[in-house]
Amino acid sequence: MKTKKIVIGAMAAAMLSLSVCSLAPAAAADETVQISVSKTTAEAGGQFTVDVSLADIPAAGIQVLNFSLKFDSSLITIDSVTPGAATETGAGSADPTAASLENFNSYTESEGVVAVMWSTGLDDASYWIKNDGVYCTVTGTVSDTAAAGTVADIEIVPVARETYDSSGVENDLIDCGYSSDGKAVRYNVNTTAGSVTIGSATEGLRGDANVDNKVNMADAVAVLQNLANSEKYPLTAQGLINADCDGTNGLSGLDAIWIQMKDAGAI
């Protein structure tokens, strides 16, 4: 993980180069980008990986996206943040500033907060982010003193800074948008937090999301409801471990499909 001391100057330069971040927004696009963090399980003292994904990207694309990941540093630490497939736009080779400042950057903002940013100074929208998918992959370590069953949330929050240069007002929005004719256009953003559940993925009955010692359609429904609204439809710590069953890392719709196939006898 790059430290704030090393990267903050480069990040600030990138932000100042785009009116999306450095000027008060002139327009708000009536479109909403979805940003979500996946869920996973990991043992105390072990490693974890979660993906931060984008969905519903408007046709115009994203020229700059800047937010922070907030987590309980007593439970987990973030060791690295690497760019995902959604950021592979070709801007790196076409952007003349990319040699001195990479399009994708991350830094430790404060204890338990890591800032992440992708941006390009290119006005050609063909080099902007336009495809849904993984924006970045986060790798970290679970504290060796974390108790089994503990859930460490990973939230998406605005970067701590002024709303725009010399505003004197603390930023409370996620920077997501583009500049047009020297003016900023900002998208609305919906976020979904992810988590790391402390425990062994081998414990419990595989697929038993509702922890009733059976694997059936009720478990698939429980997984889909949790993915749609984890606060309204929470799973227990053991349920989250059981539900992550399809062989990939983190809870997703693929787990619900695996459970349905298991219930139908296809597995």
Protein backbone atom coordinates (compact mmCIF):
# COMPACT_ATOMS: atom_id res chain seq x y z
CA MET A 1 0.00 0.00 0.00
CA LYS A 2 1.41 3.37 -1.01
CA THR A 3 1.51 5.86 1.83
CA LYS A 4 -0.19 9.24 1.83
CA LYS A 5 3.19 10.98 2.00
CA ILE A 6 4.30 9.39 -1.26
CA VAL A 7 1.15 9.67 -3.30
CA ILE A 8 -0.89 12.59 -1.99
CA GLY A 9 0.89 15.13 -4.20
CA ALA A 10 0.23 13.12 -7.33
CA MET A 11 -3.38 12.54 -6.36
CA ALA A 12 -3.95 16.23 -5.69
CA ALA A 13 -2.41 17.12 -9.05
CA ALA A 14 -4.76 14.73 -10.81
CA MET A 15 -7.75 16.11 -8.97
CA LEU A 16 -6.82 19.68 -9.82
CA SER A 17 -6.47 18.79 -13.49
CA LEU A 18 -10.14 17.80 -13.71
CA SER A 19 -12.95 20.21 -13.01
CA VAL A 20 -15.03 17.32 -11.69
CA CYS A 21 -12.97 17.52 -8.51
CA SER A 22 -11.45 21.00 -8.47
CA LEU A 23 -14.49 23.14 -9.32
CA ALA A 24 -18.02 23.32 -8.01
CA PRO A 25 -20.13 21.06 -10.25
CA ALA A 26 -22.01 22.96 -12.94
CA ALA A 27 -24.45 20.15 -13.63
CA ALA A 28 -25.65 16.95 -12.04
CA ALA A 29 -26.41 14.18 -14.50
CA ASP A 30 -29.71 12.41 -13.81
CA GLU A 31 -27.97 9.05 -13.81
CA THR A 32 -26.77 6.83 -10.98
CA VAL A 33 -23.65 4.69 -10.84
CA GLN A 34 -23.66 1.65 -8.55
CA ILE A 35 -20.49 0.90 -6.57
CA SER A 36 -20.37 -2.25 -4.45
CA VAL A 37 -17.84 -4.17 -2.38
CA SER A 38 -18.02 -7.97 -2.32
CA LYS A 39 -18.19 -10.11 0.83
CA THR A 40 -15.80 -12.86 1.82
CA THR A 41 -14.60 -14.98 4.72
CA ALA A 42 -11.09 -15.33 6.11
CA GLU A 43 -9.45 -16.84 9.15
CA ALA A 44 -7.83 -14.77 11.91
CA GLY A 45 -4.30 -13.95 10.82
CA GLY A 46 -5.11 -14.90 7.22
CA GLN A 47 -5.39 -13.01 3.95
CA PHE A 48 -8.60 -11.82 2.28
CA THR A 49 -9.55 -10.43 -1.13
CA VAL A 50 -12.63 -8.45 -2.09
CA ASP A 51 -13.64 -6.75 -5.33
CA VAL A 52 -15.03 -3.25 -5.73
CA SER A 53 -17.34 -3.32 -8.74
CA LEU A 54 -19.16 -0.78 -10.90
CA ALA A 55 -22.59 -1.13 -12.51
CA ASP A 56 -25.02 1.07 -14.44
CA ILE A 57 -22.25 3.21 -15.93
CA PRO A 58 -23.87 5.90 -18.13
CA ALA A 59 -23.18 5.90 -21.87
CA ALA A 60 -21.09 9.08 -21.58
CA GLY A 61 -18.62 7.23 -19.36
CA ILE A 62 -16.59 8.15 -16.28
CA GLN A 63 -13.57 10.43 -16.56
CA VAL A 64 -12.82 10.52 -12.84
CA LEU A 65 -13.89 8.34 -9.91
CA ASN A 66 -12.61 9.04 -6.42
CA PHE A 67 -13.76 7.57 -3.09
CA SER A 68 -12.40 6.04 0.09
CA LEU A 69 -12.73 2.60 1.67
CA LYS A 70 -13.46 2.74 5.40
CA PHE A 71 -12.91 -0.25 7.69
CA ASP A 72 -12.17 -1.24 11.29
CA SER A 73 -8.37 -1.29 11.43
CA SER A 74 -8.45 -3.31 14.65
CA LEU A 75 -9.96 -6.20 12.69
CA ILE A 76 -8.42 -5.93 9.22
CA THR A 77 -5.77 -4.02 7.32
CA ILE A 78 -5.65 -3.25 3.60
CA ASP A 79 -2.29 -4.19 2.10
CA SER A 80 -2.84 -3.44 -1.60
CA VAL A 81 -5.38 -2.07 -4.04
CA THR A 82 -4.97 -3.04 -7.70
CA PRO A 83 -6.94 -1.79 -10.72
CA GLY A 84 -9.63 -4.02 -12.19
CA ALA A 85 -10.75 -4.78 -15.73
CA ALA A 86 -13.19 -1.83 -15.79
CA THR A 87 -10.22 0.58 -15.71
CA GLU A 88 -8.53 -0.98 -18.73
CA THR A 89 -9.60 1.74 -21.16
CA GLY A 90 -6.32 2.33 -23.02
CA ALA A 91 -5.92 5.71 -21.34
CA GLY A 92 -2.57 4.71 -19.88
CA SER A 93 -0.87 4.58 -23.26
CA ALA A 94 -2.75 7.52 -24.80
CA ASP A 95 -2.60 9.96 -21.87
CA PRO A 96 0.67 11.99 -22.00
CA THR A 97 0.49 12.59 -18.24
CA ALA A 98 0.32 8.86 -17.44
CA ALA A 99 4.13 8.49 -17.54
CA SER A 100 4.46 10.71 -14.45
CA LEU A 101 1.05 10.04 -12.90
CA GLU A 102 -0.70 6.69 -13.33
CA ASN A 103 -4.41 6.78 -14.08
CA PHE A 104 -5.12 4.56 -11.07
CA ASN A 105 -3.81 5.42 -7.61
CA SER A 106 -4.51 4.59 -3.98
CA TYR A 107 -3.16 5.83 -0.67
CA THR A 108 -3.74 5.55 3.06
CA GLU A 109 -5.83 8.59 3.93
CA SER A 110 -5.95 7.96 7.69
CA GLU A 111 -6.17 5.04 10.13
CA GLY A 112 -8.78 2.68 8.70
CA VAL A 113 -9.36 4.72 5.53
CA VAL A 114 -7.81 4.11 2.09
CA ALA A 115 -8.52 6.48 -0.81
CA VAL A 116 -8.84 5.12 -4.36
CA MET A 117 -8.88 7.13 -7.59
CA TRP A 118 -8.97 6.63 -11.35
CA SER A 119 -8.80 9.63 -13.65
CA THR A 120 -7.63 10.74 -17.06
CA GLY A 121 -6.97 14.16 -18.54
CA LEU A 122 -8.02 12.91 -21.97
CA ASP A 123 -11.10 14.64 -23.38
CA ASP A 124 -11.68 11.75 -25.78
CA ALA A 125 -14.49 9.80 -24.07
CA SER A 126 -13.47 6.57 -25.78
CA TYR A 127 -10.71 6.39 -23.13
CA TRP A 128 -13.09 6.81 -20.20
CA ILE A 129 -14.54 4.02 -18.05
CA LYS A 130 -17.63 2.70 -19.84
CA ASN A 131 -17.90 -0.98 -18.96
CA ASP A 132 -19.47 -2.43 -15.81
CA GLY A 133 -17.20 -4.75 -13.87
CA VAL A 134 -14.42 -4.83 -11.30
CA TYR A 135 -13.02 -1.37 -10.60
CA CYS A 136 -10.36 -2.59 -8.18
CA THR A 137 -9.34 -5.60 -6.11
CA VAL A 138 -8.50 -5.13 -2.45
CA THR A 139 -6.15 -7.50 -0.63
CA GLY A 140 -5.60 -7.39 3.09
CA THR A 141 -4.86 -9.20 6.33
CA VAL A 142 -7.14 -10.18 9.21
CA SER A 143 -5.90 -9.43 12.71
CA ASP A 144 -4.67 -12.60 14.43
CA THR A 145 -6.71 -11.58 17.49
CA ALA A 146 -10.02 -11.19 15.61
CA ALA A 147 -12.70 -13.45 17.09
CA ALA A 148 -14.39 -16.06 14.90
CA GLY A 149 -17.78 -14.87 13.68
CA THR A 150 -16.79 -11.20 13.78
CA VAL A 151 -17.77 -9.21 10.67
CA ALA A 152 -15.47 -6.42 9.48
CA ASP A 153 -17.43 -4.07 7.20
CA ILE A 154 -15.78 -2.29 4.27
CA GLU A 155 -17.70 0.89 3.41
CA ILE A 156 -17.45 3.28 0.47
CA VAL A 157 -17.28 6.89 1.68
CA PRO A 158 -16.36 10.32 0.24
CA VAL A 159 -12.71 11.39 0.33
CA ALA A 160 -11.94 13.85 3.12
CA ARG A 161 -11.15 17.19 1.44
CA GLU A 162 -12.78 20.50 0.54
CA THR A 163 -15.72 20.36 -1.89
CA TYR A 164 -13.60 22.37 -4.33
CA ASP A 165 -10.55 24.60 -4.09
CA SER A 166 -10.80 27.18 -1.28
CA SER A 167 -14.46 26.38 -0.58
CA GLY A 168 -13.87 25.83 3.13
CA VAL A 169 -16.63 23.20 3.03
CA GLU A 170 -15.96 19.52 3.76
CA ASN A 171 -16.70 17.20 0.85
CA ASP A 172 -19.62 14.83 1.42
CA LEU A 173 -20.03 13.38 -2.08
CA ILE A 174 -18.22 10.73 -4.08
CA ASP A 175 -16.49 12.21 -7.11
CA CYS A 176 -17.87 10.44 -10.17
CA GLY A 177 -18.31 12.14 -13.52
CA TYR A 178 -16.57 14.06 -16.26
CA SER A 179 -15.77 17.54 -17.50
CA SER A 180 -17.55 19.07 -20.49
CA ASP A 181 -16.57 22.42 -21.98
CA GLY A 182 -14.62 23.20 -18.83
CA LYS A 183 -17.55 22.46 -16.55
CA ALA A 184 -18.09 19.51 -14.26
CA VAL A 185 -20.85 16.95 -14.65
CA ARG A 186 -21.36 14.74 -11.62
CA TYR A 187 -23.25 11.44 -11.51
CA ASN A 188 -25.30 10.27 -8.56
CA VAL A 189 -23.76 7.30 -6.74
CA ASN A 190 -25.31 4.43 -4.80
CA THR A 191 -22.96 2.33 -2.67
CA THR A 192 -23.16 -1.14 -1.15
CA ALA A 193 -20.74 -2.05 1.62
CA GLY A 194 -18.84 -5.34 1.66
CA SER A 195 -17.38 -7.29 4.53
CA VAL A 196 -14.90 -9.84 5.77
CA THR A 197 -16.37 -12.46 8.09
CA ILE A 198 -13.82 -14.01 10.42
CA GLY A 199 -14.03 -17.79 10.36
CA SER A 200 -13.18 -20.85 8.30
CA ALA A 201 -14.95 -21.29 4.99
CA THR A 202 -14.88 -25.05 5.57
CA GLU A 203 -17.04 -24.85 8.68
CA GLY A 204 -20.76 -25.61 8.59
CA LEU A 205 -22.96 -27.07 5.84
CA ARG A 206 -22.00 -25.77 2.42
CA GLY A 207 -24.91 -23.77 0.96
CA ASP A 208 -26.90 -23.63 4.21
CA ALA A 209 -27.35 -19.85 4.22
CA ASN A 210 -30.19 -19.80 6.75
CA VAL A 211 -28.41 -22.31 9.03
CA ASP A 212 -31.28 -24.78 9.32
CA ASN A 213 -29.06 -27.79 8.50
CA LYS A 214 -30.66 -28.17 5.05
CA VAL A 215 -29.72 -26.89 1.59
CA ASN A 216 -32.74 -25.92 -0.48
CA MET A 217 -34.44 -23.04 -2.29
CA ALA A 218 -34.91 -21.15 0.97
CA ASP A 219 -31.14 -20.77 1.15
CA ALA A 220 -30.96 -19.43 -2.42
CA VAL A 221 -33.67 -16.89 -1.57
CA ALA A 222 -31.78 -15.91 1.60
CA VAL A 223 -28.62 -15.27 -0.43
CA LEU A 224 -30.41 -13.15 -3.05
CA GLN A 225 -32.24 -11.13 -0.40
CA ASN A 226 -28.98 -10.49 1.47
CA LEU A 227 -27.28 -9.33 -1.73
CA ALA A 228 -30.17 -6.97 -2.46
CA ASN A 229 -30.39 -5.53 1.06
CA SER A 230 -28.06 -6.93 3.69
CA GLU A 231 -29.45 -4.66 6.42
CA LYS A 232 -33.04 -5.81 5.89
CA TYR A 233 -32.11 -9.44 5.20
CA PRO A 234 -28.99 -10.16 7.26
CA LEU A 235 -27.31 -13.55 7.44
CA THR A 236 -25.62 -14.78 10.56
CA ALA A 237 -21.84 -15.02 10.62
CA GLN A 238 -22.15 -18.79 10.13
CA GLY A 239 -24.73 -18.27 7.40
CA LEU A 240 -22.35 -16.02 5.47
CA ILE A 241 -19.64 -18.67 5.71
CA ASN A 242 -22.02 -21.41 4.54
CA ALA A 243 -23.50 -19.27 1.75
CA ASP A 244 -20.13 -18.57 0.09
CA CYS A 245 -20.32 -21.95 -1.62
CA ASP A 246 -19.80 -21.78 -5.38
CA GLY A 247 -16.00 -21.91 -5.27
CA THR A 248 -15.35 -18.23 -5.96
CA ASN A 249 -14.29 -15.71 -3.34
CA GLY A 250 -17.16 -13.67 -1.87
CA LEU A 251 -20.94 -13.86 -1.76
CA SER A 252 -22.66 -13.38 -5.14
CA GLY A 253 -25.56 -14.52 -7.28
CA LEU A 254 -23.42 -17.47 -8.35
CA ASP A 255 -23.78 -18.87 -4.82
CA ALA A 256 -27.57 -18.78 -5.18
CA ILE A 257 -27.28 -20.62 -8.51
CA TRP A 258 -25.03 -23.27 -6.90
CA ILE A 259 -27.60 -23.78 -4.14
CA GLN A 260 -30.44 -24.16 -6.66
CA MET A 261 -28.42 -26.70 -8.61
CA LYS A 262 -27.66 -28.57 -5.38
CA ASP A 263 -31.34 -28.59 -4.46
CA ALA A 264 -32.23 -29.89 -7.94
CA GLY A 265 -29.69 -32.70 -7.67
CA ALA A 266 -27.50 -31.32 -10.46
CA ILE A 267 -24.54 -31.15 -8.07
